[in-house]
Amino acid sequence: MDTENSVRHFVAHRLGISDEEVAFDVDLRSLPQFDSIHALQIVLDVEEHFDIEVEDHVVFEVRTVREFAAVINQIVAVQADSAVTS
């Protein structure tokens, strides 16, 4: 599963809706029941799944699944680069 689909799945799972109800470019805050608690739970899901650390503020700065996935990909790439140079 690619990053965008993974994020979409985590969002849908936490909100109790189907993956298909979460469009990649929908504003996350417009989704039913989305709140700060769900946002932080999604961050925890992402951190565990991708074995990364995401600053909590990131989820409040990104607006869409696509934006969040891009941030995750960037964090993963930085960690991979760090591992290669270590």
Protein backbone atom coordinates (compact mmCIF):
# COMPACT_ATOMS: atom_id res chain seq x y z
CA MET A 1 0.00 0.00 0.00
CA ASP A 2 1.46 3.38 -0.96
CA THR A 3 1.72 6.28 1.47
CA GLU A 4 -1.42 8.12 0.33
CA ASN A 5 -3.55 4.99 0.60
CA SER A 6 -2.06 4.17 3.99
CA VAL A 7 -2.85 7.63 5.34
CA ARG A 8 -6.34 7.48 3.86
CA HIS A 9 -6.86 4.12 5.56
CA PHE A 10 -5.69 5.42 8.96
CA VAL A 11 -7.98 8.46 8.68
CA ALA A 12 -10.97 6.35 7.66
CA HIS A 13 -10.31 3.77 10.37
CA ARG A 14 -10.11 6.41 13.12
CA LEU A 15 -13.27 8.14 11.91
CA GLY A 16 -15.21 4.90 11.45
CA ILE A 17 -15.84 5.48 7.74
CA SER A 18 -14.80 3.65 4.59
CA ASP A 19 -11.53 4.44 2.83
CA GLU A 20 -13.51 5.51 -0.22
CA GLU A 21 -15.16 8.29 1.81
CA VAL A 22 -11.76 9.93 2.31
CA ALA A 23 -10.66 11.63 -0.91
CA PHE A 24 -6.95 12.37 -1.24
CA ASP A 25 -7.58 16.11 -1.61
CA VAL A 26 -10.46 16.64 0.82
CA ASP A 27 -9.81 18.98 3.74
CA LEU A 28 -9.41 16.62 6.69
CA ARG A 29 -11.21 19.07 8.97
CA SER A 30 -14.33 18.75 6.83
CA LEU A 31 -14.64 15.02 7.51
CA PRO A 32 -17.32 13.91 9.96
CA GLN A 33 -16.07 13.60 13.52
CA PHE A 34 -12.51 14.75 12.67
CA ASP A 35 -11.04 16.52 15.69
CA SER A 36 -7.69 17.03 17.40
CA ILE A 37 -7.90 13.71 19.24
CA HIS A 38 -8.40 11.83 15.98
CA ALA A 39 -5.58 13.83 14.41
CA LEU A 40 -3.14 12.78 17.11
CA GLN A 41 -4.30 9.16 16.92
CA ILE A 42 -3.66 9.22 13.16
CA VAL A 43 -0.15 10.55 13.82
CA LEU A 44 0.46 7.63 16.19
CA ASP A 45 -0.81 5.16 13.57
CA VAL A 46 1.48 6.69 10.95
CA GLU A 47 4.50 6.68 13.26
CA GLU A 48 4.01 3.03 14.11
CA HIS A 49 3.37 1.96 10.51
CA PHE A 50 6.27 3.85 8.93
CA ASP A 51 8.63 3.63 11.95
CA ILE A 52 9.10 7.40 11.98
CA GLU A 53 8.53 10.31 14.32
CA VAL A 54 6.12 13.01 13.20
CA GLU A 55 5.94 16.27 15.08
CA ASP A 56 2.39 16.63 16.44
CA HIS A 57 1.99 20.09 14.90
CA VAL A 58 2.40 18.64 11.39
CA VAL A 59 -1.07 17.11 11.37
CA PHE A 60 -2.54 20.50 12.20
CA GLU A 61 -0.60 22.20 9.40
CA VAL A 62 -1.45 19.80 6.57
CA ARG A 63 -4.95 19.97 5.16
CA THR A 64 -5.28 16.85 3.02
CA VAL A 65 -4.28 13.20 2.88
CA ARG A 66 -2.05 14.03 -0.09
CA GLU A 67 -0.22 16.77 1.86
CA PHE A 68 0.22 14.52 4.89
CA ALA A 69 1.53 11.70 2.70
CA ALA A 70 4.08 14.09 1.15
CA VAL A 71 5.33 15.06 4.62
CA ILE A 72 5.61 11.40 5.60
CA ASN A 73 7.56 10.60 2.42
CA GLN A 74 9.90 13.49 3.20
CA ILE A 75 10.51 12.25 6.76
CA VAL A 76 11.13 8.71 5.51
CA ALA A 77 13.59 9.99 2.89
CA VAL A 78 15.49 12.08 5.45
CA GLN A 79 15.73 9.10 7.79
CA ALA A 80 16.93 6.88 4.95
CA ASP A 81 19.59 9.44 4.02
CA SER A 82 20.67 9.66 7.66
CA ALA A 83 20.95 5.88 7.90
CA VAL A 84 23.11 5.73 4.77
CA THR A 85 25.48 8.45 5.99
CA SER A 86 25.77 7.03 9.50
